[in-house]
């Protein structure tokens, strides 16, 4: 399994993938696993400093965030340390709170069993193996991986559509996005295809429902803005999942 810390270029996508993996693990388990997953996701989204790879939130603040008592916080934090999902960087002392970092390697290893529930594209993107009998489009295997150590490396991918900007409105927009963020392009944009274009709307096809949902939520506004550079009349960009 390949991985990296969710910092640097393409970090936003890796953050969402990591949170998705934790959530999927929780949903696949019982109430105890569900509670722990929800508490960790809430703590990460509310207090984790992704840039510094650092959590320095005090026990009382965590108790208030989770709406539990201090004893529960101590128990749950100890469990997260035992799982390796939180790694203690510095023990708190003399009024200073403890410092933690995310145990990305342990999180991925502990959640891999639930990745298939998200989708085959997610399995491929996380660097896991796709279950036998599951079809994955070739382009889905060239998405953001989690390279081991160091800064994330861009996938060895061809230029978008092998196109010279301007050959079509979509080729031009795709090329522009590739220049802005090659990793996000390889992960989410390169596999998109134009289904339909009318006077003011373009419909793009994504390889899966999960893929379509992610692009709609995180990238649609930027893609529409890039499409408008060559097609000013566009008012809407819609993402659909390609039929199986």
C-alpha atoms as a PDB file:
ATOM      1  CA  UNK A   1       0.000   0.000   0.000  1.00  0.00           C
ATOM      2  CA  UNK A   2       1.359   3.430  -0.930  1.00  0.00           C
ATOM      3  CA  UNK A   3       0.653   6.567   1.054  1.00  0.00           C
ATOM      4  CA  UNK A   4       1.771  10.021   2.060  1.00  0.00           C
ATOM      5  CA  UNK A   5       0.746  12.684   4.482  1.00  0.00           C
ATOM      6  CA  UNK A   6      -2.045  14.919   3.176  1.00  0.00           C
ATOM      7  CA  UNK A   7       0.062  18.026   2.626  1.00  0.00           C
ATOM      8  CA  UNK A   8       1.352  19.764  -0.478  1.00  0.00           C
ATOM      9  CA  UNK A   9      -0.070  19.596  -3.974  1.00  0.00           C
ATOM     10  CA  UNK A  10      -3.260  17.535  -4.194  1.00  0.00           C
ATOM     11  CA  UNK A  11      -3.587  17.554  -0.403  1.00  0.00           C
ATOM     12  CA  UNK A  12      -7.276  18.498  -0.409  1.00  0.00           C
ATOM     13  CA  UNK A  13      -8.261  15.327  -2.235  1.00  0.00           C
ATOM     14  CA  UNK A  14      -6.178  13.164   0.105  1.00  0.00           C
ATOM     15  CA  UNK A  15      -7.750  14.756   3.177  1.00  0.00           C
ATOM     16  CA  UNK A  16     -11.248  13.882   1.958  1.00  0.00           C
ATOM     17  CA  UNK A  17     -10.137  10.365   1.046  1.00  0.00           C
ATOM     18  CA  UNK A  18      -8.659   9.826   4.499  1.00  0.00           C
ATOM     19  CA  UNK A  19     -11.834  11.039   6.219  1.00  0.00           C
ATOM     20  CA  UNK A  20     -13.923   8.884   3.874  1.00  0.00           C
ATOM     21  CA  UNK A  21     -11.863   5.823   4.813  1.00  0.00           C
ATOM     22  CA  UNK A  22     -12.397   6.464   8.532  1.00  0.00           C
ATOM     23  CA  UNK A  23     -16.131   6.997   8.012  1.00  0.00           C
ATOM     24  CA  UNK A  24     -16.518   3.868   5.895  1.00  0.00           C
ATOM     25  CA  UNK A  25     -14.724   1.844   8.563  1.00  0.00           C
ATOM     26  CA  UNK A  26     -17.088   3.168  11.215  1.00  0.00           C
ATOM     27  CA  UNK A  27     -20.196   2.416   9.179  1.00  0.00           C
ATOM     28  CA  UNK A  28     -18.991  -1.153   8.641  1.00  0.00           C
ATOM     29  CA  UNK A  29     -18.612  -1.753  12.375  1.00  0.00           C
ATOM     30  CA  UNK A  30     -20.786  -1.711  15.445  1.00  0.00           C
ATOM     31  CA  UNK A  31     -21.779   1.199  17.643  1.00  0.00           C
ATOM     32  CA  UNK A  32     -18.390   1.399  19.340  1.00  0.00           C
ATOM     33  CA  UNK A  33     -16.556   1.686  16.015  1.00  0.00           C
ATOM     34  CA  UNK A  34     -19.117   4.152  14.694  1.00  0.00           C
ATOM     35  CA  UNK A  35     -18.743   6.408  17.732  1.00  0.00           C
ATOM     36  CA  UNK A  36     -14.971   6.335  17.599  1.00  0.00           C
ATOM     37  CA  UNK A  37     -14.925   7.091  13.861  1.00  0.00           C
ATOM     38  CA  UNK A  38     -17.361   9.996  14.290  1.00  0.00           C
ATOM     39  CA  UNK A  39     -15.376  11.419  17.195  1.00  0.00           C
ATOM     40  CA  UNK A  40     -12.084  11.192  15.308  1.00  0.00           C
ATOM     41  CA  UNK A  41     -13.553  12.750  12.141  1.00  0.00           C
ATOM     42  CA  UNK A  42     -15.053  15.589  14.220  1.00  0.00           C
ATOM     43  CA  UNK A  43     -11.758  16.167  16.025  1.00  0.00           C
ATOM     44  CA  UNK A  44      -9.778  16.174  12.780  1.00  0.00           C
ATOM     45  CA  UNK A  45     -12.110  18.532  10.914  1.00  0.00           C
ATOM     46  CA  UNK A  46     -12.455  20.901  13.862  1.00  0.00           C
ATOM     47  CA  UNK A  47      -8.955  21.026  15.318  1.00  0.00           C
ATOM     48  CA  UNK A  48      -6.336  19.263  13.232  1.00  0.00           C
ATOM     49  CA  UNK A  49      -3.668  21.478  11.670  1.00  0.00           C
ATOM     50  CA  UNK A  50      -3.037  19.783   8.324  1.00  0.00           C
ATOM     51  CA  UNK A  51      -0.184  22.089   7.379  1.00  0.00           C
ATOM     52  CA  UNK A  52       1.816  21.360  10.535  1.00  0.00           C
ATOM     53  CA  UNK A  53       0.484  17.790  10.806  1.00  0.00           C
ATOM     54  CA  UNK A  54      -0.372  18.613  14.397  1.00  0.00           C
ATOM     55  CA  UNK A  55      -3.169  18.273  16.955  1.00  0.00           C
ATOM     56  CA  UNK A  56      -2.691  20.241  20.172  1.00  0.00           C
ATOM     57  CA  UNK A  57      -6.223  20.339  21.563  1.00  0.00           C
ATOM     58  CA  UNK A  58      -6.600  19.982  25.325  1.00  0.00           C
ATOM     59  CA  UNK A  59      -8.596  17.241  27.022  1.00  0.00           C
ATOM     60  CA  UNK A  60     -11.296  19.595  28.295  1.00  0.00           C
ATOM     61  CA  UNK A  61     -11.771  21.122  24.851  1.00  0.00           C
ATOM     62  CA  UNK A  62     -12.091  17.661  23.318  1.00  0.00           C
ATOM     63  CA  UNK A  63     -14.612  16.697  26.003  1.00  0.00           C
ATOM     64  CA  UNK A  64     -16.659  19.773  25.152  1.00  0.00           C
ATOM     65  CA  UNK A  65     -16.427  19.051  21.424  1.00  0.00           C
ATOM     66  CA  UNK A  66     -17.472  15.403  21.861  1.00  0.00           C
ATOM     67  CA  UNK A  67     -19.985  16.305  24.601  1.00  0.00           C
ATOM     68  CA  UNK A  68     -18.594  13.675  26.960  1.00  0.00           C
ATOM     69  CA  UNK A  69     -16.705  13.653  30.263  1.00  0.00           C
ATOM     70  CA  UNK A  70     -12.921  13.733  30.709  1.00  0.00           C
ATOM     71  CA  UNK A  71     -12.799  10.021  31.507  1.00  0.00           C
ATOM     72  CA  UNK A  72     -14.347   9.171  28.138  1.00  0.00           C
ATOM     73  CA  UNK A  73     -11.836  11.416  26.368  1.00  0.00           C
ATOM     74  CA  UNK A  74      -8.929   9.651  28.090  1.00  0.00           C
ATOM     75  CA  UNK A  75     -10.336   6.249  27.130  1.00  0.00           C
ATOM     76  CA  UNK A  76     -11.013   7.141  23.491  1.00  0.00           C
ATOM     77  CA  UNK A  77      -7.691   8.907  22.983  1.00  0.00           C
ATOM     78  CA  UNK A  78      -5.898   5.895  24.471  1.00  0.00           C
ATOM     79  CA  UNK A  79      -7.753   3.632  22.056  1.00  0.00           C
ATOM     80  CA  UNK A  80      -6.785   5.830  19.089  1.00  0.00           C
ATOM     81  CA  UNK A  81      -3.149   5.685  20.241  1.00  0.00           C
ATOM     82  CA  UNK A  82      -3.322   1.902  20.615  1.00  0.00           C
ATOM     83  CA  UNK A  83      -4.693   1.635  17.071  1.00  0.00           C
ATOM     84  CA  UNK A  84      -1.878   3.872  15.868  1.00  0.00           C
ATOM     85  CA  UNK A  85      -4.395   6.298  14.366  1.00  0.00           C
ATOM     86  CA  UNK A  86      -3.023   9.086  16.566  1.00  0.00           C
ATOM     87  CA  UNK A  87       0.706   9.207  17.247  1.00  0.00           C
ATOM     88  CA  UNK A  88       1.959  11.007  20.344  1.00  0.00           C
ATOM     89  CA  UNK A  89       4.627  13.528  19.390  1.00  0.00           C
ATOM     90  CA  UNK A  90       5.091  15.155  22.767  1.00  0.00           C
ATOM     91  CA  UNK A  91       3.561  14.365  26.134  1.00  0.00           C
ATOM     92  CA  UNK A  92       1.813  17.272  27.804  1.00  0.00           C
ATOM     93  CA  UNK A  93       3.385  18.641  30.984  1.00  0.00           C
ATOM     94  CA  UNK A  94       3.278  21.745  33.188  1.00  0.00           C
ATOM     95  CA  UNK A  95       0.174  23.211  31.633  1.00  0.00           C
ATOM     96  CA  UNK A  96       1.071  22.223  28.054  1.00  0.00           C
ATOM     97  CA  UNK A  97      -1.258  19.922  26.158  1.00  0.00           C
ATOM     98  CA  UNK A  98      -0.029  16.794  24.413  1.00  0.00           C
ATOM     99  CA  UNK A  99       0.856  16.979  20.725  1.00  0.00           C
ATOM    100  CA  UNK A 100      -0.361  14.368  18.248  1.00  0.00           C
ATOM    101  CA  UNK A 101      -0.023  13.593  14.557  1.00  0.00           C
ATOM    102  CA  UNK A 102      -2.206  11.373  12.394  1.00  0.00           C
ATOM    103  CA  UNK A 103      -1.004   7.794  11.980  1.00  0.00           C
ATOM    104  CA  UNK A 104      -1.805   7.698   8.267  1.00  0.00           C
ATOM    105  CA  UNK A 105      -0.210   4.303   7.682  1.00  0.00           C
ATOM    106  CA  UNK A 106      -2.209   2.707  10.520  1.00  0.00           C
ATOM    107  CA  UNK A 107      -5.450   4.428   9.460  1.00  0.00           C
ATOM    108  CA  UNK A 108      -5.169   3.098   5.925  1.00  0.00           C
ATOM    109  CA  UNK A 109      -4.290  -0.400   7.111  1.00  0.00           C
ATOM    110  CA  UNK A 110      -7.159  -0.416   9.593  1.00  0.00           C
ATOM    111  CA  UNK A 111      -9.802   0.868   7.192  1.00  0.00           C
ATOM    112  CA  UNK A 112      -8.889  -1.008   4.012  1.00  0.00           C
ATOM    113  CA  UNK A 113     -11.565  -3.641   4.635  1.00  0.00           C
ATOM    114  CA  UNK A 114     -14.259  -0.998   4.068  1.00  0.00           C
ATOM    115  CA  UNK A 115     -12.899   0.719   0.940  1.00  0.00           C
ATOM    116  CA  UNK A 116     -14.817  -1.458  -1.476  1.00  0.00           C
ATOM    117  CA  UNK A 117     -18.073  -0.140  -0.011  1.00  0.00           C
ATOM    118  CA  UNK A 118     -17.113   3.319  -1.302  1.00  0.00           C
ATOM    119  CA  UNK A 119     -16.325   2.130  -4.814  1.00  0.00           C
ATOM    120  CA  UNK A 120     -13.691   0.521  -6.998  1.00  0.00           C
ATOM    121  CA  UNK A 121     -12.328   3.933  -7.997  1.00  0.00           C
ATOM    122  CA  UNK A 122     -11.742   4.698  -4.311  1.00  0.00           C
ATOM    123  CA  UNK A 123      -9.932   1.381  -3.835  1.00  0.00           C
ATOM    124  CA  UNK A 124      -7.665   2.126  -6.787  1.00  0.00           C
ATOM    125  CA  UNK A 125      -7.058   5.719  -5.670  1.00  0.00           C
ATOM    126  CA  UNK A 126      -6.059   4.626  -2.167  1.00  0.00           C
ATOM    127  CA  UNK A 127      -3.472   2.254  -3.599  1.00  0.00           C
ATOM    128  CA  UNK A 128      -5.246  -0.940  -2.572  1.00  0.00           C
ATOM    129  CA  UNK A 129      -6.036  -3.939  -4.701  1.00  0.00           C
ATOM    130  CA  UNK A 130      -9.407  -4.137  -6.412  1.00  0.00           C
ATOM    131  CA  UNK A 131     -11.424  -7.247  -5.456  1.00  0.00           C
ATOM    132  CA  UNK A 132     -11.588  -9.981  -8.080  1.00  0.00           C
ATOM    133  CA  UNK A 133     -14.446  -9.522 -10.515  1.00  0.00           C
ATOM    134  CA  UNK A 134     -14.576  -5.754 -10.018  1.00  0.00           C
ATOM    135  CA  UNK A 135     -14.027  -3.732 -13.174  1.00  0.00           C
ATOM    136  CA  UNK A 136     -12.064  -0.516 -12.952  1.00  0.00           C
ATOM    137  CA  UNK A 137     -11.627   1.750 -15.943  1.00  0.00           C
ATOM    138  CA  UNK A 138      -7.939   2.097 -16.882  1.00  0.00           C
ATOM    139  CA  UNK A 139      -7.946   5.825 -16.193  1.00  0.00           C
ATOM    140  CA  UNK A 140      -9.166   5.215 -12.638  1.00  0.00           C
ATOM    141  CA  UNK A 141      -5.879   3.503 -11.793  1.00  0.00           C
ATOM    142  CA  UNK A 142      -3.877   6.649 -12.568  1.00  0.00           C
ATOM    143  CA  UNK A 143      -5.378   8.704  -9.784  1.00  0.00           C
ATOM    144  CA  UNK A 144      -3.899  10.199  -6.649  1.00  0.00           C
ATOM    145  CA  UNK A 145      -1.914   7.556  -4.824  1.00  0.00           C
ATOM    146  CA  UNK A 146      -0.420   7.887  -1.356  1.00  0.00           C
ATOM    147  CA  UNK A 147       3.327   7.635  -2.191  1.00  0.00           C
ATOM    148  CA  UNK A 148       5.547   6.426   0.638  1.00  0.00           C
ATOM    149  CA  UNK A 149       7.488   9.265   2.257  1.00  0.00           C
ATOM    150  CA  UNK A 150       8.442  12.712   1.056  1.00  0.00           C
ATOM    151  CA  UNK A 151       6.336  15.064  -1.004  1.00  0.00           C
ATOM    152  CA  UNK A 152       3.504  13.547  -3.046  1.00  0.00           C
ATOM    153  CA  UNK A 153       4.587  12.586  -6.516  1.00  0.00           C
ATOM    154  CA  UNK A 154       2.463  13.344  -9.545  1.00  0.00           C
ATOM    155  CA  UNK A 155       1.230  10.223 -11.362  1.00  0.00           C
ATOM    156  CA  UNK A 156       2.949   9.450 -14.629  1.00  0.00           C
ATOM    157  CA  UNK A 157       0.074  10.607 -16.734  1.00  0.00           C
ATOM    158  CA  UNK A 158      -0.250  11.882 -20.218  1.00  0.00           C
ATOM    159  CA  UNK A 159      -1.247  15.454 -20.914  1.00  0.00           C
ATOM    160  CA  UNK A 160      -5.003  15.933 -20.794  1.00  0.00           C
ATOM    161  CA  UNK A 161      -6.579  14.407 -23.866  1.00  0.00           C
ATOM    162  CA  UNK A 162      -3.198  14.779 -25.623  1.00  0.00           C
ATOM    163  CA  UNK A 163      -4.770  18.025 -26.729  1.00  0.00           C
ATOM    164  CA  UNK A 164      -3.532  21.419 -27.772  1.00  0.00           C
ATOM    165  CA  UNK A 165      -5.547  23.994 -25.778  1.00  0.00           C
ATOM    166  CA  UNK A 166      -8.347  25.371 -27.919  1.00  0.00           C
ATOM    167  CA  UNK A 167      -9.169  22.216 -29.942  1.00  0.00           C
ATOM    168  CA  UNK A 168     -12.472  22.179 -28.059  1.00  0.00           C
ATOM    169  CA  UNK A 169     -13.917  23.981 -25.074  1.00  0.00           C
ATOM    170  CA  UNK A 170     -13.475  20.894 -22.873  1.00  0.00           C
ATOM    171  CA  UNK A 171      -9.957  20.086 -24.043  1.00  0.00           C
ATOM    172  CA  UNK A 172      -9.029  23.681 -23.325  1.00  0.00           C
ATOM    173  CA  UNK A 173     -10.620  23.654 -19.860  1.00  0.00           C
ATOM    174  CA  UNK A 174      -9.074  20.282 -19.015  1.00  0.00           C
ATOM    175  CA  UNK A 175      -5.626  21.462 -20.107  1.00  0.00           C
ATOM    176  CA  UNK A 176      -5.966  24.599 -17.988  1.00  0.00           C
ATOM    177  CA  UNK A 177      -6.950  22.560 -14.935  1.00  0.00           C
ATOM    178  CA  UNK A 178      -4.006  20.229 -15.559  1.00  0.00           C
ATOM    179  CA  UNK A 179      -1.638  23.187 -15.476  1.00  0.00           C
ATOM    180  CA  UNK A 180      -3.132  24.362 -12.190  1.00  0.00           C
ATOM    181  CA  UNK A 181      -3.068  21.005 -10.424  1.00  0.00           C
ATOM    182  CA  UNK A 182      -1.756  17.923 -12.252  1.00  0.00           C
ATOM    183  CA  UNK A 183      -2.561  15.519  -9.407  1.00  0.00           C
ATOM    184  CA  UNK A 184      -6.167  16.584  -9.025  1.00  0.00           C
ATOM    185  CA  UNK A 185      -6.499  16.473 -12.775  1.00  0.00           C
ATOM    186  CA  UNK A 186      -5.251  12.882 -12.926  1.00  0.00           C
ATOM    187  CA  UNK A 187      -7.465  11.876 -10.023  1.00  0.00           C
ATOM    188  CA  UNK A 188     -10.734  13.505 -10.967  1.00  0.00           C
ATOM    189  CA  UNK A 189     -10.767  15.453 -14.264  1.00  0.00           C
ATOM    190  CA  UNK A 190      -8.915  13.405 -16.857  1.00  0.00           C
ATOM    191  CA  UNK A 191     -11.550  10.628 -16.891  1.00  0.00           C
ATOM    192  CA  UNK A 192     -14.471  13.034 -17.392  1.00  0.00           C
ATOM    193  CA  UNK A 193     -16.111  13.024 -20.816  1.00  0.00           C
ATOM    194  CA  UNK A 194     -18.595  15.406 -22.421  1.00  0.00           C
ATOM    195  CA  UNK A 195     -22.047  13.858 -22.675  1.00  0.00           C
ATOM    196  CA  UNK A 196     -24.019  16.834 -23.918  1.00  0.00           C
ATOM    197  CA  UNK A 197     -23.700  20.540 -24.614  1.00  0.00           C
ATOM    198  CA  UNK A 198     -26.557  22.889 -25.242  1.00  0.00           C
ATOM    199  CA  UNK A 199     -26.887  26.646 -25.276  1.00  0.00           C
ATOM    200  CA  UNK A 200     -26.030  27.232 -21.623  1.00  0.00           C
ATOM    201  CA  UNK A 201     -25.230  23.866 -19.997  1.00  0.00           C
ATOM    202  CA  UNK A 202     -22.602  21.182 -20.368  1.00  0.00           C
ATOM    203  CA  UNK A 203     -23.108  17.665 -18.993  1.00  0.00           C
ATOM    204  CA  UNK A 204     -20.013  15.644 -18.135  1.00  0.00           C
ATOM    205  CA  UNK A 205     -19.861  11.890 -17.524  1.00  0.00           C
ATOM    206  CA  UNK A 206     -17.820  10.496 -14.620  1.00  0.00           C
ATOM    207  CA  UNK A 207     -16.781   6.830 -14.337  1.00  0.00           C
ATOM    208  CA  UNK A 208     -18.751   6.227 -11.112  1.00  0.00           C
ATOM    209  CA  UNK A 209     -21.386   7.745  -8.872  1.00  0.00           C
ATOM    210  CA  UNK A 210     -18.810   8.469  -6.170  1.00  0.00           C
ATOM    211  CA  UNK A 211     -16.541  10.146  -8.709  1.00  0.00           C
ATOM    212  CA  UNK A 212     -19.424  12.279 -10.003  1.00  0.00           C
ATOM    213  CA  UNK A 213     -20.400  13.297  -6.465  1.00  0.00           C
ATOM    214  CA  UNK A 214     -16.864  14.342  -5.572  1.00  0.00           C
ATOM    215  CA  UNK A 215     -16.396  16.424  -8.716  1.00  0.00           C
ATOM    216  CA  UNK A 216     -19.817  18.064  -8.254  1.00  0.00           C
ATOM    217  CA  UNK A 217     -19.006  18.999  -4.648  1.00  0.00           C
ATOM    218  CA  UNK A 218     -15.380  20.107  -4.954  1.00  0.00           C
ATOM    219  CA  UNK A 219     -14.450  20.928  -8.537  1.00  0.00           C
ATOM    220  CA  UNK A 220     -17.554  21.851 -10.545  1.00  0.00           C
ATOM    221  CA  UNK A 221     -17.338  25.596  -9.943  1.00  0.00           C
ATOM    222  CA  UNK A 222     -13.729  25.765 -11.072  1.00  0.00           C
ATOM    223  CA  UNK A 223     -14.362  23.575 -14.107  1.00  0.00           C
ATOM    224  CA  UNK A 224     -17.302  25.741 -15.133  1.00  0.00           C
ATOM    225  CA  UNK A 225     -15.156  28.873 -14.833  1.00  0.00           C
ATOM    226  CA  UNK A 226     -12.500  27.315 -17.064  1.00  0.00           C
ATOM    227  CA  UNK A 227     -15.082  26.187 -19.611  1.00  0.00           C
ATOM    228  CA  UNK A 228     -16.462  29.720 -19.750  1.00  0.00           C
ATOM    229  CA  UNK A 229     -13.104  31.040 -20.917  1.00  0.00           C
ATOM    230  CA  UNK A 230     -13.780  29.565 -24.351  1.00  0.00           C
ATOM    231  CA  UNK A 231     -17.578  29.244 -24.120  1.00  0.00           C
ATOM    232  CA  UNK A 232     -18.819  32.384 -22.325  1.00  0.00           C
ATOM    233  CA  UNK A 233     -22.502  31.483 -22.692  1.00  0.00           C
ATOM    234  CA  UNK A 234     -22.278  28.495 -20.331  1.00  0.00           C
ATOM    235  CA  UNK A 235     -24.247  28.955 -17.129  1.00  0.00           C
ATOM    236  CA  UNK A 236     -24.216  25.473 -15.672  1.00  0.00           C
ATOM    237  CA  UNK A 237     -22.006  22.394 -15.533  1.00  0.00           C
ATOM    238  CA  UNK A 238     -23.581  19.097 -14.517  1.00  0.00           C
ATOM    239  CA  UNK A 239     -21.852  15.833 -13.595  1.00  0.00           C
ATOM    240  CA  UNK A 240     -23.480  12.442 -14.161  1.00  0.00           C
ATOM    241  CA  UNK A 241     -22.247   8.927 -13.546  1.00  0.00           C
ATOM    242  CA  UNK A 242     -21.707   6.903 -16.707  1.00  0.00           C
ATOM    243  CA  UNK A 243     -24.149   4.002 -17.037  1.00  0.00           C
ATOM    244  CA  UNK A 244     -22.656   0.620 -16.236  1.00  0.00           C
END
